[in-house]
N, C-alpha and C. Protein backbone atom coordinates (compact mmCIF):
# COMPACT_ATOMS: atom_id res chain seq x y z
N MET A 1 -25.74 -15.82 -16.24
CA MET A 1 -25.99 -14.67 -17.11
C MET A 1 -25.02 -13.54 -16.77
N THR A 2 -24.53 -12.88 -17.80
CA THR A 2 -23.67 -11.73 -17.59
C THR A 2 -24.26 -10.51 -18.26
N ASN A 3 -23.91 -9.33 -17.74
CA ASN A 3 -24.40 -8.09 -18.32
C ASN A 3 -23.38 -7.54 -19.31
N ALA A 4 -23.62 -6.30 -19.77
CA ALA A 4 -22.75 -5.71 -20.80
C ALA A 4 -21.32 -5.53 -20.32
N SER A 5 -21.13 -5.41 -19.02
CA SER A 5 -19.78 -5.21 -18.48
C SER A 5 -19.03 -6.53 -18.31
N GLY A 6 -19.71 -7.67 -18.57
CA GLY A 6 -19.08 -8.97 -18.41
C GLY A 6 -19.23 -9.56 -17.02
N LYS A 7 -19.93 -8.85 -16.13
CA LYS A 7 -20.13 -9.33 -14.77
C LYS A 7 -21.43 -10.11 -14.67
N SER A 8 -21.46 -11.03 -13.71
CA SER A 8 -22.66 -11.82 -13.52
C SER A 8 -23.77 -10.98 -12.91
N ASP A 9 -24.99 -11.17 -13.41
CA ASP A 9 -26.15 -10.47 -12.84
C ASP A 9 -26.56 -11.07 -11.50
N ASN A 10 -26.03 -12.23 -11.17
CA ASN A 10 -26.46 -12.93 -9.96
C ASN A 10 -25.53 -12.71 -8.77
N VAL A 11 -24.53 -11.85 -8.93
CA VAL A 11 -23.60 -11.58 -7.84
C VAL A 11 -24.15 -10.45 -6.97
N ARG A 12 -24.26 -10.72 -5.70
CA ARG A 12 -24.77 -9.73 -4.75
C ARG A 12 -23.85 -9.67 -3.54
N TRP A 13 -23.72 -8.47 -2.96
CA TRP A 13 -22.92 -8.32 -1.75
C TRP A 13 -23.72 -8.83 -0.56
N HIS A 14 -23.14 -9.71 0.24
CA HIS A 14 -23.81 -10.27 1.41
C HIS A 14 -23.29 -9.57 2.67
N HIS A 15 -24.18 -8.93 3.37
CA HIS A 15 -23.81 -8.23 4.60
C HIS A 15 -23.82 -9.21 5.77
N GLY A 16 -22.73 -9.20 6.53
CA GLY A 16 -22.63 -10.08 7.69
C GLY A 16 -23.38 -9.53 8.89
N HIS A 17 -23.29 -10.25 10.00
CA HIS A 17 -24.00 -9.86 11.22
C HIS A 17 -23.07 -9.16 12.22
N VAL A 18 -21.82 -8.97 11.83
CA VAL A 18 -20.85 -8.25 12.66
C VAL A 18 -20.50 -6.96 11.92
N THR A 19 -20.74 -5.84 12.57
CA THR A 19 -20.52 -4.55 11.91
C THR A 19 -19.08 -4.06 12.11
N ARG A 20 -18.74 -3.04 11.38
CA ARG A 20 -17.42 -2.42 11.53
C ARG A 20 -17.28 -1.83 12.92
N ASP A 21 -18.35 -1.29 13.45
CA ASP A 21 -18.32 -0.76 14.82
C ASP A 21 -18.12 -1.87 15.83
N ASP A 22 -18.72 -3.03 15.59
CA ASP A 22 -18.52 -4.18 16.48
C ASP A 22 -17.04 -4.55 16.53
N ARG A 23 -16.42 -4.60 15.38
CA ARG A 23 -15.01 -4.97 15.33
C ARG A 23 -14.14 -3.90 15.98
N ARG A 24 -14.52 -2.65 15.78
CA ARG A 24 -13.77 -1.55 16.39
C ARG A 24 -13.79 -1.67 17.90
N GLY A 25 -14.94 -2.00 18.46
CA GLY A 25 -15.06 -2.16 19.90
C GLY A 25 -14.27 -3.34 20.42
N LEU A 26 -14.25 -4.43 19.66
CA LEU A 26 -13.53 -5.62 20.09
C LEU A 26 -12.02 -5.42 20.00
N MET A 27 -11.55 -4.82 18.89
CA MET A 27 -10.12 -4.74 18.61
C MET A 27 -9.46 -3.48 19.14
N LYS A 28 -10.29 -2.53 19.60
CA LYS A 28 -9.77 -1.26 20.14
C LYS A 28 -8.90 -0.53 19.12
N GLN A 29 -9.37 -0.56 17.89
CA GLN A 29 -8.70 0.16 16.81
C GLN A 29 -9.67 0.28 15.65
N SER A 30 -9.39 1.20 14.76
CA SER A 30 -10.19 1.35 13.55
C SER A 30 -9.40 0.81 12.38
N GLY A 31 -10.05 0.02 11.55
CA GLY A 31 -9.38 -0.48 10.36
C GLY A 31 -9.04 0.68 9.43
N CYS A 32 -7.90 0.62 8.80
CA CYS A 32 -7.52 1.64 7.82
C CYS A 32 -6.42 1.07 6.93
N THR A 33 -6.20 1.72 5.80
CA THR A 33 -5.10 1.36 4.92
C THR A 33 -4.08 2.48 4.92
N ILE A 34 -2.82 2.11 5.17
CA ILE A 34 -1.70 3.03 5.00
C ILE A 34 -0.98 2.59 3.75
N TRP A 35 -0.97 3.44 2.74
CA TRP A 35 -0.43 3.09 1.43
C TRP A 35 0.94 3.73 1.25
N PHE A 36 1.99 2.90 1.30
CA PHE A 36 3.35 3.39 1.11
C PHE A 36 3.70 3.36 -0.38
N THR A 37 4.06 4.50 -0.93
CA THR A 37 4.45 4.57 -2.33
C THR A 37 5.80 5.26 -2.45
N GLY A 38 6.54 4.90 -3.47
CA GLY A 38 7.86 5.49 -3.69
C GLY A 38 8.63 4.65 -4.69
N LEU A 39 9.78 5.13 -5.08
CA LEU A 39 10.62 4.42 -6.04
C LEU A 39 11.05 3.05 -5.52
N PRO A 40 11.43 2.13 -6.41
CA PRO A 40 12.01 0.88 -5.95
C PRO A 40 13.24 1.15 -5.06
N ALA A 41 13.34 0.42 -3.98
CA ALA A 41 14.44 0.54 -3.01
C ALA A 41 14.42 1.85 -2.25
N SER A 42 13.26 2.50 -2.20
CA SER A 42 13.15 3.75 -1.44
C SER A 42 13.04 3.50 0.06
N GLY A 43 12.66 2.29 0.44
CA GLY A 43 12.52 1.96 1.87
C GLY A 43 11.09 1.70 2.30
N LYS A 44 10.19 1.56 1.35
CA LYS A 44 8.77 1.38 1.65
C LYS A 44 8.51 0.16 2.54
N SER A 45 8.96 -0.99 2.07
CA SER A 45 8.68 -2.22 2.80
C SER A 45 9.42 -2.26 4.14
N THR A 46 10.63 -1.76 4.16
CA THR A 46 11.40 -1.72 5.41
C THR A 46 10.65 -0.93 6.47
N ILE A 47 10.11 0.22 6.08
CA ILE A 47 9.35 1.04 7.02
C ILE A 47 8.04 0.37 7.38
N ALA A 48 7.35 -0.19 6.39
CA ALA A 48 6.05 -0.83 6.64
C ALA A 48 6.18 -1.96 7.65
N PHE A 49 7.20 -2.80 7.49
CA PHE A 49 7.38 -3.91 8.44
C PHE A 49 7.78 -3.40 9.82
N ALA A 50 8.51 -2.30 9.87
CA ALA A 50 8.85 -1.72 11.17
C ALA A 50 7.61 -1.15 11.85
N VAL A 51 6.72 -0.55 11.07
CA VAL A 51 5.45 -0.07 11.63
C VAL A 51 4.62 -1.23 12.14
N GLU A 52 4.57 -2.31 11.37
CA GLU A 52 3.81 -3.50 11.79
C GLU A 52 4.32 -4.00 13.14
N ARG A 53 5.62 -4.04 13.33
CA ARG A 53 6.20 -4.52 14.58
C ARG A 53 5.83 -3.60 15.74
N LEU A 54 5.93 -2.29 15.52
CA LEU A 54 5.57 -1.33 16.58
C LEU A 54 4.10 -1.47 16.96
N LEU A 55 3.24 -1.62 15.98
CA LEU A 55 1.81 -1.77 16.26
C LEU A 55 1.53 -3.07 16.99
N PHE A 56 2.17 -4.14 16.56
CA PHE A 56 1.99 -5.44 17.22
C PHE A 56 2.42 -5.36 18.67
N GLU A 57 3.56 -4.76 18.92
CA GLU A 57 4.06 -4.65 20.29
C GLU A 57 3.16 -3.79 21.16
N ALA A 58 2.39 -2.90 20.53
CA ALA A 58 1.45 -2.06 21.28
C ALA A 58 0.06 -2.70 21.37
N GLY A 59 -0.07 -3.94 20.86
CA GLY A 59 -1.33 -4.66 20.99
C GLY A 59 -2.32 -4.42 19.87
N HIS A 60 -1.84 -3.98 18.71
CA HIS A 60 -2.73 -3.71 17.58
C HIS A 60 -2.56 -4.75 16.48
N ALA A 61 -3.65 -5.03 15.79
CA ALA A 61 -3.64 -6.01 14.71
C ALA A 61 -3.34 -5.31 13.39
N ALA A 62 -2.20 -5.65 12.78
CA ALA A 62 -1.78 -5.02 11.53
C ALA A 62 -1.17 -6.08 10.63
N TYR A 63 -1.21 -5.80 9.33
CA TYR A 63 -0.63 -6.76 8.38
C TYR A 63 -0.08 -6.01 7.18
N VAL A 64 1.13 -6.43 6.73
CA VAL A 64 1.77 -5.80 5.57
C VAL A 64 1.41 -6.56 4.30
N LEU A 65 0.90 -5.84 3.33
CA LEU A 65 0.75 -6.35 1.97
C LEU A 65 1.94 -5.81 1.18
N ASP A 66 2.86 -6.69 0.86
CA ASP A 66 4.11 -6.28 0.21
C ASP A 66 4.08 -6.62 -1.27
N GLY A 67 4.61 -5.73 -2.10
CA GLY A 67 4.55 -5.90 -3.54
C GLY A 67 5.13 -7.21 -4.03
N ASP A 68 6.32 -7.58 -3.57
CA ASP A 68 6.93 -8.83 -4.00
C ASP A 68 6.12 -10.03 -3.53
N ASN A 69 5.67 -9.99 -2.28
CA ASN A 69 4.90 -11.12 -1.74
C ASN A 69 3.62 -11.35 -2.53
N ILE A 70 2.94 -10.27 -2.88
CA ILE A 70 1.67 -10.39 -3.60
C ILE A 70 1.88 -11.01 -4.98
N ARG A 71 3.01 -10.70 -5.60
CA ARG A 71 3.26 -11.24 -6.95
C ARG A 71 3.65 -12.72 -6.92
N HIS A 72 3.80 -13.29 -5.76
CA HIS A 72 4.01 -14.74 -5.66
C HIS A 72 2.70 -15.50 -5.83
N GLY A 73 1.58 -14.83 -5.61
CA GLY A 73 0.31 -15.55 -5.65
C GLY A 73 -0.79 -14.77 -6.33
N LEU A 74 -1.43 -13.88 -5.60
CA LEU A 74 -2.61 -13.16 -6.08
C LEU A 74 -2.38 -12.49 -7.43
N CYS A 75 -1.20 -11.90 -7.61
CA CYS A 75 -0.91 -11.19 -8.86
C CYS A 75 0.23 -11.84 -9.62
N GLY A 76 0.41 -13.14 -9.43
CA GLY A 76 1.50 -13.86 -10.07
C GLY A 76 1.38 -13.93 -11.57
N ASN A 77 0.21 -13.67 -12.12
CA ASN A 77 0.01 -13.74 -13.57
C ASN A 77 0.18 -12.39 -14.26
N LEU A 78 0.60 -11.37 -13.51
CA LEU A 78 0.71 -10.03 -14.08
C LEU A 78 2.16 -9.66 -14.33
N GLY A 79 2.37 -8.86 -15.39
CA GLY A 79 3.69 -8.34 -15.70
C GLY A 79 3.82 -6.91 -15.22
N PHE A 80 4.56 -6.10 -15.97
CA PHE A 80 4.84 -4.73 -15.54
C PHE A 80 4.47 -3.70 -16.60
N SER A 81 3.59 -4.08 -17.52
CA SER A 81 3.05 -3.08 -18.44
C SER A 81 2.14 -2.14 -17.66
N ALA A 82 1.79 -1.01 -18.27
CA ALA A 82 0.91 -0.06 -17.58
C ALA A 82 -0.42 -0.71 -17.20
N ASP A 83 -0.96 -1.53 -18.11
CA ASP A 83 -2.24 -2.19 -17.83
C ASP A 83 -2.09 -3.20 -16.70
N ASP A 84 -1.00 -3.96 -16.71
CA ASP A 84 -0.80 -4.95 -15.65
C ASP A 84 -0.53 -4.27 -14.31
N ARG A 85 0.20 -3.17 -14.33
CA ARG A 85 0.43 -2.43 -13.09
C ARG A 85 -0.90 -1.94 -12.52
N ALA A 86 -1.76 -1.43 -13.40
CA ALA A 86 -3.06 -0.92 -12.95
C ALA A 86 -3.90 -2.04 -12.34
N GLU A 87 -3.89 -3.21 -12.98
CA GLU A 87 -4.66 -4.34 -12.46
C GLU A 87 -4.07 -4.83 -11.14
N ASN A 88 -2.75 -4.84 -11.04
CA ASN A 88 -2.08 -5.22 -9.80
C ASN A 88 -2.57 -4.35 -8.64
N ILE A 89 -2.57 -3.04 -8.85
CA ILE A 89 -2.98 -2.11 -7.79
C ILE A 89 -4.47 -2.21 -7.51
N ARG A 90 -5.27 -2.42 -8.55
CA ARG A 90 -6.72 -2.58 -8.34
C ARG A 90 -7.00 -3.77 -7.44
N ARG A 91 -6.35 -4.90 -7.72
CA ARG A 91 -6.56 -6.10 -6.90
C ARG A 91 -6.14 -5.84 -5.45
N ILE A 92 -4.99 -5.20 -5.28
CA ILE A 92 -4.53 -4.92 -3.93
C ILE A 92 -5.48 -3.98 -3.22
N GLY A 93 -6.00 -3.01 -3.95
CA GLY A 93 -6.96 -2.08 -3.36
C GLY A 93 -8.19 -2.80 -2.83
N GLU A 94 -8.67 -3.77 -3.59
CA GLU A 94 -9.84 -4.53 -3.16
C GLU A 94 -9.52 -5.40 -1.94
N VAL A 95 -8.34 -6.02 -1.94
CA VAL A 95 -7.94 -6.83 -0.78
C VAL A 95 -7.78 -5.94 0.45
N ALA A 96 -7.14 -4.80 0.27
CA ALA A 96 -6.95 -3.88 1.40
C ALA A 96 -8.28 -3.45 1.97
N ARG A 97 -9.24 -3.19 1.10
CA ARG A 97 -10.56 -2.76 1.58
C ARG A 97 -11.22 -3.87 2.41
N LEU A 98 -11.06 -5.11 2.01
CA LEU A 98 -11.61 -6.22 2.79
C LEU A 98 -10.91 -6.32 4.15
N PHE A 99 -9.59 -6.13 4.15
CA PHE A 99 -8.85 -6.16 5.41
C PHE A 99 -9.32 -5.06 6.35
N VAL A 100 -9.55 -3.87 5.79
CA VAL A 100 -10.02 -2.75 6.62
C VAL A 100 -11.41 -3.06 7.18
N ASP A 101 -12.26 -3.66 6.36
CA ASP A 101 -13.60 -4.02 6.82
C ASP A 101 -13.51 -5.02 7.97
N ALA A 102 -12.45 -5.84 7.95
CA ALA A 102 -12.24 -6.82 9.03
C ALA A 102 -11.64 -6.18 10.27
N GLY A 103 -11.30 -4.88 10.19
CA GLY A 103 -10.78 -4.17 11.35
C GLY A 103 -9.27 -4.08 11.43
N LEU A 104 -8.57 -4.57 10.40
CA LEU A 104 -7.11 -4.58 10.42
C LEU A 104 -6.52 -3.23 10.00
N ILE A 105 -5.38 -2.91 10.55
CA ILE A 105 -4.57 -1.81 10.05
C ILE A 105 -3.71 -2.41 8.95
N THR A 106 -3.98 -2.01 7.73
CA THR A 106 -3.37 -2.63 6.55
C THR A 106 -2.26 -1.75 6.01
N LEU A 107 -1.07 -2.30 5.93
CA LEU A 107 0.11 -1.56 5.50
C LEU A 107 0.48 -2.05 4.10
N ALA A 108 0.13 -1.27 3.09
CA ALA A 108 0.34 -1.67 1.71
C ALA A 108 1.60 -1.01 1.16
N SER A 109 2.55 -1.83 0.72
CA SER A 109 3.84 -1.31 0.25
C SER A 109 4.02 -1.65 -1.23
N PHE A 110 3.78 -0.65 -2.07
CA PHE A 110 3.85 -0.86 -3.52
C PHE A 110 4.44 0.37 -4.19
N VAL A 111 5.27 0.15 -5.20
CA VAL A 111 5.79 1.29 -5.97
C VAL A 111 4.62 2.14 -6.46
N SER A 112 3.60 1.47 -7.00
CA SER A 112 2.38 2.14 -7.50
C SER A 112 2.73 3.49 -8.13
N PRO A 113 3.40 3.48 -9.29
CA PRO A 113 3.99 4.69 -9.83
C PRO A 113 3.01 5.71 -10.40
N TYR A 114 1.77 5.29 -10.66
CA TYR A 114 0.84 6.19 -11.34
C TYR A 114 -0.21 6.76 -10.39
N ARG A 115 -0.39 8.07 -10.43
CA ARG A 115 -1.35 8.74 -9.54
C ARG A 115 -2.76 8.19 -9.72
N ALA A 116 -3.15 7.94 -10.96
CA ALA A 116 -4.52 7.48 -11.22
C ALA A 116 -4.81 6.16 -10.52
N ASP A 117 -3.83 5.26 -10.50
CA ASP A 117 -4.03 3.97 -9.83
C ASP A 117 -4.17 4.15 -8.33
N ARG A 118 -3.34 5.03 -7.76
CA ARG A 118 -3.44 5.27 -6.31
C ARG A 118 -4.75 5.97 -5.96
N GLN A 119 -5.19 6.86 -6.83
CA GLN A 119 -6.45 7.55 -6.60
C GLN A 119 -7.63 6.57 -6.64
N LEU A 120 -7.53 5.58 -7.51
CA LEU A 120 -8.57 4.56 -7.57
C LEU A 120 -8.70 3.84 -6.24
N VAL A 121 -7.56 3.46 -5.65
CA VAL A 121 -7.59 2.76 -4.37
C VAL A 121 -8.14 3.67 -3.28
N ARG A 122 -7.74 4.93 -3.30
CA ARG A 122 -8.28 5.89 -2.33
C ARG A 122 -9.80 5.98 -2.46
N SER A 123 -10.27 6.05 -3.70
CA SER A 123 -11.71 6.17 -3.94
C SER A 123 -12.47 4.93 -3.46
N LEU A 124 -11.86 3.74 -3.66
CA LEU A 124 -12.48 2.50 -3.19
C LEU A 124 -12.73 2.56 -1.68
N HIS A 125 -11.76 3.11 -0.96
CA HIS A 125 -11.88 3.21 0.49
C HIS A 125 -12.87 4.30 0.90
N GLU A 126 -12.70 5.47 0.33
CA GLU A 126 -13.53 6.60 0.75
C GLU A 126 -14.99 6.39 0.42
N SER A 127 -15.27 5.69 -0.70
CA SER A 127 -16.67 5.43 -1.05
C SER A 127 -17.33 4.47 -0.07
N ALA A 128 -16.50 3.70 0.64
CA ALA A 128 -17.02 2.76 1.64
C ALA A 128 -16.90 3.33 3.05
N GLY A 129 -16.51 4.60 3.17
CA GLY A 129 -16.38 5.21 4.49
C GLY A 129 -15.18 4.71 5.26
N MET A 130 -14.13 4.31 4.55
CA MET A 130 -12.93 3.76 5.18
C MET A 130 -11.77 4.74 5.09
N SER A 131 -10.88 4.65 6.05
CA SER A 131 -9.71 5.54 6.10
C SER A 131 -8.63 5.05 5.15
N PHE A 132 -8.06 6.00 4.41
CA PHE A 132 -6.95 5.72 3.51
C PHE A 132 -5.90 6.79 3.72
N ILE A 133 -4.69 6.37 4.06
CA ILE A 133 -3.61 7.31 4.34
C ILE A 133 -2.45 7.01 3.38
N GLU A 134 -2.11 7.99 2.58
CA GLU A 134 -1.01 7.81 1.63
C GLU A 134 0.29 8.32 2.25
N VAL A 135 1.32 7.48 2.23
CA VAL A 135 2.63 7.83 2.75
C VAL A 135 3.63 7.79 1.59
N PHE A 136 4.19 8.93 1.27
CA PHE A 136 5.17 9.02 0.20
C PHE A 136 6.56 8.86 0.79
N VAL A 137 7.21 7.76 0.47
CA VAL A 137 8.58 7.53 0.92
C VAL A 137 9.49 8.20 -0.12
N ASP A 138 9.87 9.42 0.18
CA ASP A 138 10.53 10.29 -0.78
C ASP A 138 12.05 10.12 -0.69
N THR A 139 12.56 9.22 -1.49
CA THR A 139 14.00 8.95 -1.53
C THR A 139 14.50 9.23 -2.94
N PRO A 140 15.52 10.06 -3.10
CA PRO A 140 16.02 10.37 -4.45
C PRO A 140 16.48 9.11 -5.18
N VAL A 141 16.35 9.14 -6.49
CA VAL A 141 16.68 7.95 -7.28
C VAL A 141 18.13 7.54 -7.10
N ASP A 142 19.05 8.50 -6.92
CA ASP A 142 20.45 8.12 -6.75
C ASP A 142 20.67 7.36 -5.44
N ALA A 143 19.92 7.73 -4.40
CA ALA A 143 20.02 7.01 -3.13
C ALA A 143 19.41 5.62 -3.25
N CYS A 144 18.29 5.52 -3.97
CA CYS A 144 17.68 4.21 -4.19
C CYS A 144 18.63 3.30 -4.97
N GLU A 145 19.26 3.88 -5.98
CA GLU A 145 20.16 3.09 -6.81
C GLU A 145 21.40 2.65 -6.02
N ALA A 146 21.84 3.49 -5.10
CA ALA A 146 23.00 3.13 -4.28
C ALA A 146 22.66 1.95 -3.36
N ARG A 147 21.41 1.89 -2.90
CA ARG A 147 21.00 0.76 -2.06
C ARG A 147 20.83 -0.49 -2.92
N ASP A 148 19.92 -0.40 -3.87
CA ASP A 148 19.67 -1.42 -4.91
C ASP A 148 19.92 -2.84 -4.42
N PRO A 149 19.19 -3.32 -3.40
CA PRO A 149 19.49 -4.64 -2.81
C PRO A 149 19.35 -5.80 -3.79
N LYS A 150 18.52 -5.64 -4.83
CA LYS A 150 18.32 -6.72 -5.80
C LYS A 150 19.15 -6.54 -7.07
N GLY A 151 19.84 -5.40 -7.18
CA GLY A 151 20.60 -5.14 -8.39
C GLY A 151 19.75 -4.79 -9.59
N LEU A 152 18.52 -4.34 -9.35
CA LEU A 152 17.58 -4.10 -10.46
C LEU A 152 17.90 -2.83 -11.23
N TYR A 153 18.34 -1.79 -10.53
CA TYR A 153 18.70 -0.56 -11.24
C TYR A 153 19.85 -0.85 -12.21
N LYS A 154 20.82 -1.59 -11.76
CA LYS A 154 21.97 -1.93 -12.60
C LYS A 154 21.51 -2.70 -13.84
N GLN A 155 20.60 -3.65 -13.65
CA GLN A 155 20.09 -4.43 -14.78
C GLN A 155 19.29 -3.56 -15.73
N ALA A 156 18.50 -2.64 -15.16
CA ALA A 156 17.69 -1.76 -16.01
C ALA A 156 18.58 -0.85 -16.84
N ARG A 157 19.62 -0.31 -16.24
CA ARG A 157 20.53 0.59 -16.98
C ARG A 157 21.35 -0.18 -18.01
N ALA A 158 21.50 -1.47 -17.81
CA ALA A 158 22.21 -2.29 -18.79
C ALA A 158 21.27 -2.79 -19.88
N GLY A 159 19.99 -2.42 -19.79
CA GLY A 159 19.02 -2.83 -20.79
C GLY A 159 18.49 -4.23 -20.59
N GLU A 160 18.76 -4.82 -19.44
CA GLU A 160 18.32 -6.19 -19.17
C GLU A 160 16.90 -6.24 -18.63
N ILE A 161 16.41 -5.10 -18.10
CA ILE A 161 15.04 -5.00 -17.59
C ILE A 161 14.39 -3.79 -18.25
N SER A 162 13.21 -4.00 -18.80
CA SER A 162 12.46 -2.89 -19.38
C SER A 162 11.34 -2.48 -18.44
N GLN A 163 10.79 -1.31 -18.65
CA GLN A 163 9.65 -0.81 -17.86
C GLN A 163 9.98 -0.80 -16.36
N PHE A 164 11.20 -0.40 -16.04
CA PHE A 164 11.60 -0.34 -14.63
C PHE A 164 11.44 1.10 -14.13
N THR A 165 10.62 1.27 -13.12
CA THR A 165 10.32 2.60 -12.60
C THR A 165 11.58 3.29 -12.09
N GLY A 166 11.76 4.52 -12.53
CA GLY A 166 12.91 5.30 -12.10
C GLY A 166 14.04 5.31 -13.11
N VAL A 167 13.99 4.35 -14.06
CA VAL A 167 15.02 4.29 -15.10
C VAL A 167 14.41 4.45 -16.48
N ASN A 168 13.56 3.50 -16.86
CA ASN A 168 12.93 3.58 -18.17
C ASN A 168 11.40 3.55 -18.09
N ASP A 169 10.87 3.86 -16.93
CA ASP A 169 9.43 4.02 -16.74
C ASP A 169 9.23 5.11 -15.69
N PRO A 170 8.22 5.97 -15.85
CA PRO A 170 8.09 7.13 -14.96
C PRO A 170 7.52 6.79 -13.59
N TYR A 171 7.82 7.65 -12.63
CA TYR A 171 7.17 7.63 -11.32
C TYR A 171 6.50 8.98 -11.10
N GLU A 172 5.22 8.94 -10.77
CA GLU A 172 4.45 10.17 -10.54
C GLU A 172 4.26 10.35 -9.04
N PRO A 173 5.01 11.26 -8.42
CA PRO A 173 4.90 11.44 -6.97
C PRO A 173 3.53 11.98 -6.57
N PRO A 174 3.10 11.68 -5.36
CA PRO A 174 1.80 12.18 -4.89
C PRO A 174 1.75 13.70 -4.86
N ASP A 175 0.57 14.23 -5.12
CA ASP A 175 0.36 15.68 -5.03
C ASP A 175 0.09 16.12 -3.60
N ALA A 176 -0.57 15.25 -2.83
CA ALA A 176 -0.98 15.65 -1.48
C ALA A 176 -1.03 14.44 -0.55
N ALA A 177 0.11 13.79 -0.39
CA ALA A 177 0.17 12.65 0.53
C ALA A 177 -0.06 13.12 1.96
N GLU A 178 -0.70 12.28 2.76
CA GLU A 178 -0.92 12.63 4.17
C GLU A 178 0.39 12.71 4.95
N LEU A 179 1.39 11.96 4.50
CA LEU A 179 2.68 11.98 5.18
C LEU A 179 3.79 11.78 4.14
N VAL A 180 4.84 12.60 4.24
CA VAL A 180 6.02 12.45 3.39
C VAL A 180 7.20 12.10 4.29
N ILE A 181 7.88 11.01 3.97
CA ILE A 181 9.03 10.57 4.75
C ILE A 181 10.28 10.68 3.90
N HIS A 182 11.25 11.43 4.38
CA HIS A 182 12.56 11.53 3.72
C HIS A 182 13.50 10.56 4.42
N THR A 183 13.97 9.56 3.70
CA THR A 183 14.72 8.48 4.36
C THR A 183 16.22 8.72 4.41
N VAL A 184 16.74 9.57 3.55
CA VAL A 184 18.20 9.77 3.53
C VAL A 184 18.66 10.36 4.87
N GLY A 185 19.54 9.65 5.54
CA GLY A 185 20.04 10.09 6.84
C GLY A 185 19.10 9.82 7.99
N ALA A 186 17.96 9.19 7.72
CA ALA A 186 16.98 8.92 8.78
C ALA A 186 17.07 7.47 9.23
N LYS A 187 16.70 7.22 10.49
CA LYS A 187 16.67 5.87 11.02
C LYS A 187 15.31 5.24 10.74
N VAL A 188 15.31 3.96 10.45
CA VAL A 188 14.07 3.25 10.13
C VAL A 188 13.06 3.39 11.27
N ASP A 189 13.50 3.20 12.51
CA ASP A 189 12.57 3.27 13.64
C ASP A 189 11.94 4.65 13.76
N ASP A 190 12.71 5.69 13.47
CA ASP A 190 12.16 7.05 13.53
C ASP A 190 11.10 7.24 12.45
N CYS A 191 11.37 6.72 11.26
CA CYS A 191 10.38 6.81 10.18
C CYS A 191 9.10 6.06 10.56
N ALA A 192 9.26 4.88 11.15
CA ALA A 192 8.11 4.08 11.54
C ALA A 192 7.29 4.79 12.61
N ARG A 193 7.97 5.42 13.56
CA ARG A 193 7.26 6.12 14.63
C ARG A 193 6.44 7.29 14.08
N CYS A 194 6.93 7.92 13.03
CA CYS A 194 6.17 9.01 12.41
C CYS A 194 4.82 8.51 11.91
N VAL A 195 4.83 7.30 11.36
CA VAL A 195 3.58 6.71 10.86
C VAL A 195 2.65 6.38 12.01
N VAL A 196 3.20 5.76 13.05
CA VAL A 196 2.38 5.39 14.20
C VAL A 196 1.80 6.64 14.87
N GLU A 197 2.59 7.69 14.98
CA GLU A 197 2.10 8.94 15.57
C GLU A 197 0.94 9.51 14.74
N LEU A 198 1.03 9.42 13.42
CA LEU A 198 -0.05 9.91 12.57
C LEU A 198 -1.32 9.08 12.80
N LEU A 199 -1.17 7.77 12.95
CA LEU A 199 -2.33 6.92 13.21
C LEU A 199 -2.99 7.32 14.53
N GLY A 200 -2.19 7.64 15.53
CA GLY A 200 -2.74 8.09 16.80
C GLY A 200 -3.49 9.40 16.64
N GLN A 201 -2.92 10.33 15.88
CA GLN A 201 -3.58 11.61 15.64
C GLN A 201 -4.89 11.46 14.90
N ARG A 202 -4.95 10.45 14.03
CA ARG A 202 -6.15 10.22 13.22
C ARG A 202 -7.22 9.40 13.96
N GLY A 203 -6.91 9.00 15.19
CA GLY A 203 -7.89 8.24 15.96
C GLY A 203 -8.01 6.79 15.59
N VAL A 204 -7.02 6.27 14.87
CA VAL A 204 -7.06 4.87 14.44
C VAL A 204 -6.78 3.94 15.61
N LEU A 205 -5.90 4.36 16.52
CA LEU A 205 -5.44 3.48 17.59
C LEU A 205 -6.28 3.67 18.85
N GLY A 206 -7.56 3.37 18.73
CA GLY A 206 -8.45 3.47 19.87
C GLY A 206 -9.84 3.05 19.47
N ALA A 207 -10.65 2.66 20.44
CA ALA A 207 -12.01 2.20 20.13
C ALA A 207 -12.83 3.37 19.66
């Protein structure tokens, strides 16, 4: 049976016998999501993977959810329309919330160009009493285009790619990100350390 929203009336959330506090005590860290947002080729994933390495070397459990990787499987059926982008971020938000519940430090790296979609993910976390930290990787579009490791900006400007953020689709920067990283002239390791330092200040890296 389904209700008016199309959801089954028989679906119920099952609470396990291991609490979030139990996991915090075992793992000596608090689960949280760090959400990296910014233009394509701004350096989001590069920084996220560097943060993951620093955390791992310090004995913390962390995992990167990367935009390209996710579209190989979980979101492989989605395109880049506004509706598909929203669904992509919604799915990732739900996965991130499960990872946080498991006690992981979750590093989500997605262009996520629309404020409303990012706010939805924040709300999913905050309504469950989970930490959500937004990191704006603030790299000017000309610097992103100069890097352009996949050649996507060039293709978009040639009309070969439509709905490409930064060229023919808008990017809405955060109004109040917890951390803003300017990558031009900065070293990746220094950017990553800024994130780790913020996690320490927020009490994430401790029982």
